[in-house]
């Protein structure tokens, strides 16, 4: 399944699901729902422990997953955000951490497999959700004693080990360390994952997603975007990104900084705007998609979804945009691999509704460059930008070592390349494409391409 995951990421942007707690609230569950038969006599209140629903109301958890899968999600997160001994201690459920994690992954695995069987061309994946816990390892909760800690690194490693072991045993394809507000906590999770991988003798794709605490663009522990990335850059990650805290529009400048800094794939799953005075979220699916869609149109992200306040309707709107951009990507590939790229470009672009002048610009640009150099694809991108087709802002660059070139003296490109070897089979090439038009505007686009090495 890992090879399939990398293959899909090479071809298109993958959609993560949306808020889980948001959906649970819509079911109006009561204390007895959380307790079920097994925990009927539990000594403390259990309502609010959503992770426990994987044991007591698996039908609700399964239905939520199915709603997101029907909406178009490629990756669904397990109901295990707080399924670790540190967080579950509030409910005296520490001993159930592994069981809950495994059950949550099993439910998601079953749902994902069912949808993959329905349409093998769109495989679905399970991301084991690993939250930050409700303790911080790098800061003191006692203002009178800066050295005081509520949890140690070793305790976090132990708690995360049980959680990730349960998620993997339950069938998770990916481990998603998310909502990171303290990278020391995240390092404990990564240590636990590395140890598990060593024991299993195989690699597990890992996503890390941080959260920014205020308008300064720093995490709760005070790290900037660049410092956050530096703290986790030692790990061989599937992706790095941000989630929660901000709405999509507010997150944009920090996501751009991360994309500029990190050689990994980029993920984002923001909230449905900023919370209102009642703690709710007001962004409609259309409003949310307009802002998050800009991430995709600009090529900033490889994996995108929603967090607090988002629903299957929000993900469905993103699916529309992702599907359109995937079609454009296929168009570019067809032009690139055609023996007569100019002719095919004319036919396809005309059918897409581009005007004669725009098509002529594109065809001329393609014709001005030799076959096999990788430049025709860039020429297409340049012409589309000049034609102000804002929905087409991804360039699939095939010759990343080129310096720069002009098209009709109207646009200048420069390309920066960084290479990261993921493992013996996969290499990630990250490109930053800068576009400078004669009008003086500078636009930056990002493209990440994963190559699978052929073995003899």
Protein backbone atom coordinates (compact mmCIF):
# COMPACT_ATOMS: atom_id res chain seq x y z
CA UNK A 1 0.00 0.00 0.00
CA UNK A 2 2.96 2.33 0.64
CA UNK A 3 4.06 2.13 -3.00
CA UNK A 4 0.52 2.99 -4.07
CA UNK A 5 0.53 5.97 -1.71
CA UNK A 6 3.73 7.39 -3.20
CA UNK A 7 2.42 6.73 -6.69
CA UNK A 8 -0.80 8.64 -6.01
CA UNK A 9 1.12 11.57 -4.48
CA UNK A 10 3.23 11.77 -7.60
CA UNK A 11 0.12 12.04 -9.75
CA UNK A 12 -2.15 14.36 -7.83
CA UNK A 13 -3.03 16.27 -4.68
CA UNK A 14 -4.54 13.94 -2.08
CA UNK A 15 -7.50 14.99 0.04
CA UNK A 16 -7.51 14.47 3.79
CA UNK A 17 -10.85 14.31 5.60
CA UNK A 18 -12.27 17.04 7.85
CA UNK A 19 -13.15 17.59 11.49
CA UNK A 20 -14.10 14.50 13.49
CA UNK A 21 -15.26 16.23 16.66
CA UNK A 22 -17.43 18.52 14.55
CA UNK A 23 -19.22 15.51 13.16
CA UNK A 24 -19.60 13.79 16.55
CA UNK A 25 -21.35 16.87 17.91
CA UNK A 26 -23.99 16.50 15.22
CA UNK A 27 -25.02 13.10 16.60
CA UNK A 28 -26.03 14.53 19.99
CA UNK A 29 -24.47 11.62 21.86
CA UNK A 30 -25.16 11.31 25.58
CA UNK A 31 -23.21 9.86 28.50
CA UNK A 32 -24.67 6.40 27.98
CA UNK A 33 -23.42 6.38 24.38
CA UNK A 34 -19.86 6.88 25.57
CA UNK A 35 -20.18 4.30 28.34
CA UNK A 36 -21.88 1.47 26.49
CA UNK A 37 -22.22 -1.78 28.42
CA UNK A 38 -18.55 -2.20 29.18
CA UNK A 39 -18.11 1.15 30.94
CA UNK A 40 -21.60 1.49 32.41
CA UNK A 41 -20.25 1.62 35.96
CA UNK A 42 -17.15 3.70 35.24
CA UNK A 43 -16.37 6.01 38.19
CA UNK A 44 -15.88 9.21 36.17
CA UNK A 45 -17.83 10.97 33.43
CA UNK A 46 -16.86 9.76 29.95
CA UNK A 47 -18.85 12.10 27.72
CA UNK A 48 -16.40 14.04 25.59
CA UNK A 49 -13.90 11.20 25.26
CA UNK A 50 -14.48 10.80 21.53
CA UNK A 51 -11.72 8.24 21.17
CA UNK A 52 -13.69 5.84 23.36
CA UNK A 53 -16.43 5.74 20.73
CA UNK A 54 -14.23 3.37 18.75
CA UNK A 55 -15.14 0.80 21.41
CA UNK A 56 -18.62 1.85 22.49
CA UNK A 57 -20.15 3.34 19.30
CA UNK A 58 -18.14 1.97 16.37
CA UNK A 59 -21.21 2.42 14.18
CA UNK A 60 -21.02 6.20 14.60
CA UNK A 61 -17.28 6.25 13.91
CA UNK A 62 -17.75 4.12 10.78
CA UNK A 63 -20.57 6.33 9.50
CA UNK A 64 -18.45 9.47 9.88
CA UNK A 65 -15.63 7.86 7.91
CA UNK A 66 -18.04 6.83 5.16
CA UNK A 67 -19.40 10.35 4.86
CA UNK A 68 -15.93 11.72 4.26
CA UNK A 69 -15.08 8.94 1.82
CA UNK A 70 -18.25 9.65 -0.15
CA UNK A 71 -17.27 13.33 -0.20
CA UNK A 72 -14.03 12.39 -1.96
CA UNK A 73 -11.44 12.07 0.81
CA UNK A 74 -8.40 10.03 -0.19
CA UNK A 75 -7.09 9.77 3.38
CA UNK A 76 -9.24 9.35 6.46
CA UNK A 77 -7.95 9.92 9.98
CA UNK A 78 -8.55 7.45 12.76
CA UNK A 79 -10.60 8.36 15.82
CA UNK A 80 -7.49 8.28 18.01
CA UNK A 81 -6.34 11.87 18.46
CA UNK A 82 -6.21 11.47 22.26
CA UNK A 83 -5.82 7.69 22.41
CA UNK A 84 -2.68 7.78 24.52
CA UNK A 85 -2.13 7.10 28.21
CA UNK A 86 -1.27 10.73 29.01
CA UNK A 87 -4.51 12.17 27.62
CA UNK A 88 -6.73 9.24 28.61
CA UNK A 89 -5.63 9.62 32.24
CA UNK A 90 -8.30 12.33 32.56
CA UNK A 91 -10.86 9.55 32.15
CA UNK A 92 -8.85 6.86 33.98
CA UNK A 93 -8.60 4.97 30.71
CA UNK A 94 -4.81 4.76 30.43
CA UNK A 95 -4.84 0.98 30.15
CA UNK A 96 -7.17 1.15 27.14
CA UNK A 97 -4.84 3.23 24.93
CA UNK A 98 -3.59 0.38 22.75
CA UNK A 99 -7.04 -1.22 22.46
CA UNK A 100 -8.72 2.06 21.47
CA UNK A 101 -6.01 2.87 18.93
CA UNK A 102 -6.21 -0.55 17.30
CA UNK A 103 -10.02 -0.48 17.20
CA UNK A 104 -10.04 3.04 15.70
CA UNK A 105 -7.60 2.01 12.98
CA UNK A 106 -9.57 -1.15 12.27
CA UNK A 107 -12.80 0.76 11.71
CA UNK A 108 -11.12 3.23 9.35
CA UNK A 109 -9.29 0.40 7.54
CA UNK A 110 -12.54 -1.45 6.89
CA UNK A 111 -14.25 1.66 5.53
CA UNK A 112 -11.29 2.63 3.34
CA UNK A 113 -10.95 -0.87 1.91
CA UNK A 114 -14.64 -0.97 1.04
CA UNK A 115 -14.40 2.26 -0.95
CA UNK A 116 -11.15 1.18 -2.62
CA UNK A 117 -12.85 -2.04 -3.74
CA UNK A 118 -15.65 0.01 -5.28
CA UNK A 119 -13.17 2.09 -7.29
CA UNK A 120 -9.62 0.67 -7.41
CA UNK A 121 -8.54 3.65 -9.51
CA UNK A 122 -9.02 5.83 -6.42
CA UNK A 123 -7.36 3.96 -3.53
CA UNK A 124 -8.19 5.18 -0.03
CA UNK A 125 -5.68 5.39 2.80
CA UNK A 126 -5.82 5.44 6.60
CA UNK A 127 -3.84 7.95 8.64
CA UNK A 128 -3.42 7.07 12.29
CA UNK A 129 -4.12 10.30 14.16
CA UNK A 130 -1.55 11.01 16.88
CA UNK A 131 -2.36 14.15 18.88
CA UNK A 132 -0.01 16.27 21.00
CA UNK A 133 -1.42 15.06 24.37
CA UNK A 134 -2.64 17.58 26.95
CA UNK A 135 0.81 18.05 28.49
CA UNK A 136 3.93 19.85 27.33
CA UNK A 137 7.45 18.54 27.79
CA UNK A 138 9.32 21.78 27.15
CA UNK A 139 7.42 24.32 29.25
CA UNK A 140 6.49 24.65 32.91
CA UNK A 141 2.90 24.84 34.07
CA UNK A 142 4.11 26.45 37.32
CA UNK A 143 5.08 30.10 36.96
CA UNK A 144 6.94 29.86 40.26
CA UNK A 145 9.12 26.99 39.04
CA UNK A 146 10.34 27.21 35.43
CA UNK A 147 11.99 23.79 35.73
CA UNK A 148 8.77 21.99 36.64
CA UNK A 149 7.31 19.58 34.08
CA UNK A 150 3.97 17.76 34.07
CA UNK A 151 5.34 15.01 31.84
CA UNK A 152 8.76 13.68 30.91
CA UNK A 153 10.11 12.74 27.51
CA UNK A 154 10.29 9.10 28.58
CA UNK A 155 6.66 9.12 29.68
CA UNK A 156 5.62 10.55 26.33
CA UNK A 157 7.63 7.94 24.43
CA UNK A 158 5.98 5.16 26.42
CA UNK A 159 2.50 6.58 25.82
CA UNK A 160 3.09 7.14 22.11
CA UNK A 161 4.58 3.67 21.71
CA UNK A 162 1.33 2.03 22.80
CA UNK A 163 -0.70 4.37 20.59
CA UNK A 164 1.29 3.94 17.36
CA UNK A 165 1.61 0.20 17.92
CA UNK A 166 -2.17 -0.04 18.15
CA UNK A 167 -2.67 2.11 15.05
CA UNK A 168 -0.27 0.03 12.97
CA UNK A 169 -1.70 -3.25 14.25
CA UNK A 170 -5.15 -1.97 13.33
CA UNK A 171 -4.10 -1.28 9.74
CA UNK A 172 -3.03 2.38 9.46
CA UNK A 173 -1.07 3.21 6.28
CA UNK A 174 0.30 6.50 7.62
CA UNK A 175 1.02 7.89 11.07
CA UNK A 176 -0.04 11.53 11.36
CA UNK A 177 1.58 13.41 14.25
CA UNK A 178 -0.68 16.44 14.24
CA UNK A 179 -1.56 19.69 15.99
CA UNK A 180 2.02 19.93 17.26
CA UNK A 181 2.35 22.84 19.68
CA UNK A 182 5.55 21.57 21.31
CA UNK A 183 8.10 19.89 19.07
CA UNK A 184 9.64 18.07 22.04
CA UNK A 185 6.36 16.16 22.32
CA UNK A 186 6.51 15.51 18.57
CA UNK A 187 10.08 14.25 18.89
CA UNK A 188 8.86 11.75 21.49
CA UNK A 189 6.24 10.53 19.01
CA UNK A 190 8.83 10.29 16.24
CA UNK A 191 11.17 8.36 18.53
CA UNK A 192 8.36 5.92 19.34
CA UNK A 193 7.60 5.51 15.64
CA UNK A 194 11.26 4.96 14.71
CA UNK A 195 11.59 2.34 17.42
CA UNK A 196 8.47 0.55 16.19
CA UNK A 197 9.69 0.64 12.59
CA UNK A 198 13.03 -0.85 13.63
CA UNK A 199 11.26 -3.62 15.48
CA UNK A 200 8.93 -4.35 12.57
CA UNK A 201 11.73 -4.15 10.04
CA UNK A 202 9.89 -1.78 7.74
CA UNK A 203 9.30 1.93 7.21
CA UNK A 204 5.98 3.61 7.96
CA UNK A 205 5.08 6.88 6.17
CA UNK A 206 4.91 9.71 8.70
CA UNK A 207 3.24 13.10 8.41
CA UNK A 208 3.98 15.89 10.90
CA UNK A 209 1.58 18.82 11.18
CA UNK A 210 2.15 21.75 13.52
CA UNK A 211 -0.25 24.36 14.82
CA UNK A 212 0.37 28.08 15.26
CA UNK A 213 -0.83 29.72 18.43
CA UNK A 214 -1.40 33.39 17.58
CA UNK A 215 -1.03 36.13 15.00
CA UNK A 216 2.74 36.14 15.45
CA UNK A 217 2.88 32.86 13.55
CA UNK A 218 4.62 30.94 16.32
CA UNK A 219 3.82 27.67 18.01
CA UNK A 220 2.73 27.68 21.67
CA UNK A 221 6.32 26.88 22.64
CA UNK A 222 7.48 29.97 20.75
CA UNK A 223 8.94 28.52 17.57
CA UNK A 224 8.73 30.27 14.22
CA UNK A 225 7.74 28.40 11.07
CA UNK A 226 11.38 27.85 10.21
CA UNK A 227 12.30 26.70 13.73
CA UNK A 228 9.37 24.29 13.76
CA UNK A 229 10.57 22.73 10.53
CA UNK A 230 14.18 22.56 11.77
CA UNK A 231 13.04 20.66 14.86
CA UNK A 232 11.49 17.83 12.84
CA UNK A 233 13.68 17.94 9.73
CA UNK A 234 15.83 15.04 10.97
CA UNK A 235 12.95 12.63 10.30
CA UNK A 236 12.33 11.12 6.87
CA UNK A 237 8.81 12.46 6.53
CA UNK A 238 6.11 11.83 4.01
CA UNK A 239 5.04 15.45 4.56
CA UNK A 240 5.23 18.39 6.91
CA UNK A 241 2.52 20.99 7.33
CA UNK A 242 0.10 22.91 9.51
CA UNK A 243 -3.40 22.35 10.82
CA UNK A 244 -5.96 23.81 13.20
CA UNK A 245 -5.65 27.22 14.92
CA UNK A 246 -6.05 29.39 11.82
CA UNK A 247 -8.52 29.59 9.01
CA UNK A 248 -7.20 28.93 5.50
CA UNK A 249 -6.75 32.58 4.61
CA UNK A 250 -4.84 33.39 7.81
CA UNK A 251 -2.62 30.32 7.36
CA UNK A 252 -1.54 31.16 3.80
CA UNK A 253 1.58 33.29 4.49
CA UNK A 254 2.95 30.75 6.98
CA UNK A 255 2.28 27.87 4.62
CA UNK A 256 4.20 29.74 1.94
CA UNK A 257 7.16 30.11 4.30
CA UNK A 258 7.07 26.42 5.13
CA UNK A 259 6.90 25.45 1.46
CA UNK A 260 9.88 27.70 0.80
CA UNK A 261 11.89 26.12 3.62
CA UNK A 262 11.05 22.42 3.66
CA UNK A 263 12.15 19.92 0.99
CA UNK A 264 9.33 17.56 2.00
CA UNK A 265 5.82 17.38 0.62
CA UNK A 266 3.52 19.95 2.21
CA UNK A 267 0.19 19.28 3.94
CA UNK A 268 -2.45 21.61 5.32
CA UNK A 269 -5.79 21.09 7.03
CA UNK A 270 -6.96 24.42 8.47
CA UNK A 271 -10.11 25.26 10.38
CA UNK A 272 -13.28 26.57 8.77
CA UNK A 273 -12.19 30.12 9.49
CA UNK A 274 -11.65 31.63 12.91
CA UNK A 275 -14.03 30.71 15.76
CA UNK A 276 -16.87 33.13 16.47
CA UNK A 277 -17.83 34.44 19.93
CA UNK A 278 -19.77 31.24 20.60
CA UNK A 279 -16.84 29.03 19.66
CA UNK A 280 -18.42 27.94 16.38
CA UNK A 281 -17.18 28.29 12.82
CA UNK A 282 -18.98 30.36 10.21
CA UNK A 283 -17.19 29.60 6.95
CA UNK A 284 -19.43 27.82 4.49
CA UNK A 285 -18.00 24.97 2.40
CA UNK A 286 -17.81 27.34 -0.58
CA UNK A 287 -15.94 30.02 1.40
CA UNK A 288 -13.54 27.43 2.81
CA UNK A 289 -12.88 25.90 -0.62
CA UNK A 290 -12.20 29.29 -2.17
CA UNK A 291 -9.32 29.90 0.24
CA UNK A 292 -7.96 26.35 0.46
CA UNK A 293 -8.35 26.01 -3.30
CA UNK A 294 -5.75 28.74 -3.65
CA UNK A 295 -3.23 26.44 -1.94
CA UNK A 296 -3.89 23.89 -4.65
CA UNK A 297 -3.97 26.31 -7.56
CA UNK A 298 -0.62 27.71 -6.49
CA UNK A 299 0.87 24.25 -6.04
CA UNK A 300 1.69 24.85 -2.38
CA UNK A 301 0.33 21.56 -1.07
CA UNK A 302 0.42 17.85 -1.78
CA UNK A 303 -2.10 16.83 0.88
CA UNK A 304 -4.97 19.06 1.96
CA UNK A 305 -8.09 18.74 4.10
CA UNK A 306 -9.94 20.36 6.97
CA UNK A 307 -9.81 20.57 10.75
CA UNK A 308 -12.19 22.14 13.29
CA UNK A 309 -15.55 23.20 11.92
CA UNK A 310 -15.17 21.37 8.62
CA UNK A 311 -17.58 18.70 7.42
CA UNK A 312 -17.95 16.35 4.44
CA UNK A 313 -19.52 19.26 2.57
CA UNK A 314 -16.27 21.22 2.94
CA UNK A 315 -14.22 18.29 1.65
CA UNK A 316 -16.61 17.77 -1.25
CA UNK A 317 -15.97 21.34 -2.40
CA UNK A 318 -12.23 20.72 -2.24
CA UNK A 319 -12.69 17.52 -4.24
CA UNK A 320 -14.21 19.52 -7.07
CA UNK A 321 -11.12 21.74 -7.29
CA UNK A 322 -8.66 18.87 -6.88
CA UNK A 323 -10.41 16.95 -9.63
CA UNK A 324 -10.23 19.90 -12.00
CA UNK A 325 -6.53 20.46 -11.34
CA UNK A 326 -5.88 16.75 -11.84
CA UNK A 327 -7.57 16.99 -15.23
CA UNK A 328 -5.33 19.95 -16.10
CA UNK A 329 -2.31 17.90 -15.02
CA UNK A 330 -3.39 15.14 -17.37
CA UNK A 331 -3.77 17.72 -20.11
CA UNK A 332 -0.22 18.95 -19.59
CA UNK A 333 1.10 15.38 -19.60
CA UNK A 334 -0.71 14.67 -22.86
CA UNK A 335 0.82 17.75 -24.44
CA UNK A 336 4.26 16.90 -23.05
CA UNK A 337 4.30 13.34 -24.37
CA UNK A 338 2.71 14.12 -27.71
CA UNK A 339 4.85 13.96 -30.85
CA UNK A 340 2.93 16.98 -31.99
CA UNK A 341 2.47 18.94 -28.81
CA UNK A 342 1.39 22.13 -30.57
CA UNK A 343 -1.41 20.40 -32.47
CA UNK A 344 -2.69 18.61 -29.38
CA UNK A 345 -2.44 21.82 -27.34
CA UNK A 346 -4.54 23.64 -29.93
CA UNK A 347 -7.21 20.94 -29.92
CA UNK A 348 -7.43 20.44 -26.18
CA UNK A 349 -7.17 24.08 -25.13
CA UNK A 350 -9.78 25.09 -27.64
CA UNK A 351 -12.11 22.42 -26.23
CA UNK A 352 -11.51 23.81 -22.74
CA UNK A 353 -12.81 27.19 -23.82
CA UNK A 354 -9.59 29.18 -24.25
CA UNK A 355 -9.86 32.01 -26.77
CA UNK A 356 -8.07 31.95 -30.11
CA UNK A 357 -5.49 34.53 -29.02
CA UNK A 358 -4.63 32.59 -25.87
CA UNK A 359 -4.34 29.34 -27.79
CA UNK A 360 -2.12 31.00 -30.38
CA UNK A 361 0.18 32.27 -27.65
CA UNK A 362 0.43 28.81 -26.13
CA UNK A 363 1.01 27.04 -29.43
CA UNK A 364 3.63 29.57 -30.49
CA UNK A 365 5.42 29.22 -27.16
CA UNK A 366 5.50 25.45 -27.52
CA UNK A 367 6.73 25.68 -31.08
CA UNK A 368 9.64 27.91 -30.08
CA UNK A 369 11.31 25.18 -28.02
CA UNK A 370 12.93 21.90 -28.93
CA UNK A 371 11.30 18.61 -28.09
CA UNK A 372 12.65 16.75 -25.07
CA UNK A 373 14.01 19.75 -23.18
CA UNK A 374 11.11 19.95 -20.73
CA UNK A 375 10.49 23.53 -21.82
CA UNK A 376 7.22 23.08 -23.72
CA UNK A 377 5.40 22.35 -20.47
CA UNK A 378 6.76 25.53 -18.94
CA UNK A 379 5.74 27.42 -22.04
CA UNK A 380 2.19 26.17 -21.56
CA UNK A 381 2.23 27.35 -17.95
CA UNK A 382 3.59 30.74 -18.98
CA UNK A 383 0.96 31.24 -21.62
CA UNK A 384 -1.81 30.24 -19.25
CA UNK A 385 -0.56 32.71 -16.66
CA UNK A 386 -0.34 35.46 -19.24
CA UNK A 387 -3.88 34.62 -20.29
CA UNK A 388 -4.81 35.10 -16.61
CA UNK A 389 -6.30 31.64 -16.26
CA UNK A 390 -6.10 31.68 -12.47
CA UNK A 391 -7.36 28.12 -12.13
CA UNK A 392 -4.29 26.80 -13.90
CA UNK A 393 -1.29 27.66 -11.78
CA UNK A 394 0.70 24.44 -11.56
CA UNK A 395 3.70 23.82 -13.73
CA UNK A 396 5.03 20.28 -14.14
CA UNK A 397 8.68 21.08 -14.68
CA UNK A 398 10.70 18.25 -16.23
CA UNK A 399 14.04 20.03 -16.54
CA UNK A 400 14.65 21.47 -13.06
CA UNK A 401 18.31 22.30 -13.67
CA UNK A 402 17.62 24.98 -16.27
CA UNK A 403 18.44 28.51 -15.19
CA UNK A 404 15.87 30.83 -16.76
CA UNK A 405 14.41 31.75 -20.12
CA UNK A 406 12.12 34.29 -21.71
CA UNK A 407 8.97 33.77 -23.74
CA UNK A 408 8.36 36.65 -26.19
CA UNK A 409 10.14 38.87 -23.62
CA UNK A 410 6.90 38.85 -21.67
CA UNK A 411 7.70 36.45 -18.86
CA UNK A 412 10.82 35.24 -17.08
CA UNK A 413 11.15 31.97 -15.18
CA UNK A 414 13.69 30.88 -12.64
CA UNK A 415 13.72 27.45 -11.03
CA UNK A 416 15.33 26.30 -7.78
CA UNK A 417 15.68 22.61 -7.05
CA UNK A 418 16.21 20.67 -3.85
CA UNK A 419 16.50 16.89 -3.72
CA UNK A 420 15.68 14.58 -0.83
CA UNK A 421 16.27 10.85 -0.95
CA UNK A 422 13.40 9.29 0.99
CA UNK A 423 14.71 5.73 0.89
CA UNK A 424 16.23 3.29 -1.57
CA UNK A 425 13.11 3.39 -3.73
CA UNK A 426 11.86 6.96 -3.59
CA UNK A 427 13.45 10.33 -4.23
CA UNK A 428 11.62 13.63 -3.78
CA UNK A 429 12.50 16.61 -5.95
CA UNK A 430 11.07 19.93 -4.79
CA UNK A 431 10.95 22.82 -7.20
CA UNK A 432 10.27 26.48 -6.69
CA UNK A 433 9.18 28.19 -9.87
CA UNK A 434 9.25 32.01 -9.86
CA UNK A 435 7.42 33.92 -12.57
CA UNK A 436 8.12 37.57 -13.35
CA UNK A 437 5.93 39.25 -15.96
CA UNK A 438 6.61 42.45 -17.86
CA UNK A 439 4.08 44.11 -15.56
CA UNK A 440 6.40 43.60 -12.62
CA UNK A 441 4.34 41.10 -10.67
CA UNK A 442 6.22 38.14 -9.24
CA UNK A 443 4.39 34.87 -8.59
CA UNK A 444 5.85 31.82 -6.90
CA UNK A 445 4.67 28.31 -7.60
CA UNK A 446 5.76 25.07 -6.02
CA UNK A 447 5.80 21.58 -7.49
CA UNK A 448 6.85 18.38 -5.78
CA UNK A 449 7.65 15.35 -7.87
CA UNK A 450 8.37 11.89 -6.45
CA UNK A 451 10.37 9.48 -8.51
CA UNK A 452 10.40 5.72 -7.94
CA UNK A 453 13.75 4.16 -8.82
CA UNK A 454 13.73 1.07 -11.02
CA UNK A 455 15.62 -1.86 -9.60
CA UNK A 456 17.67 -4.18 -11.73
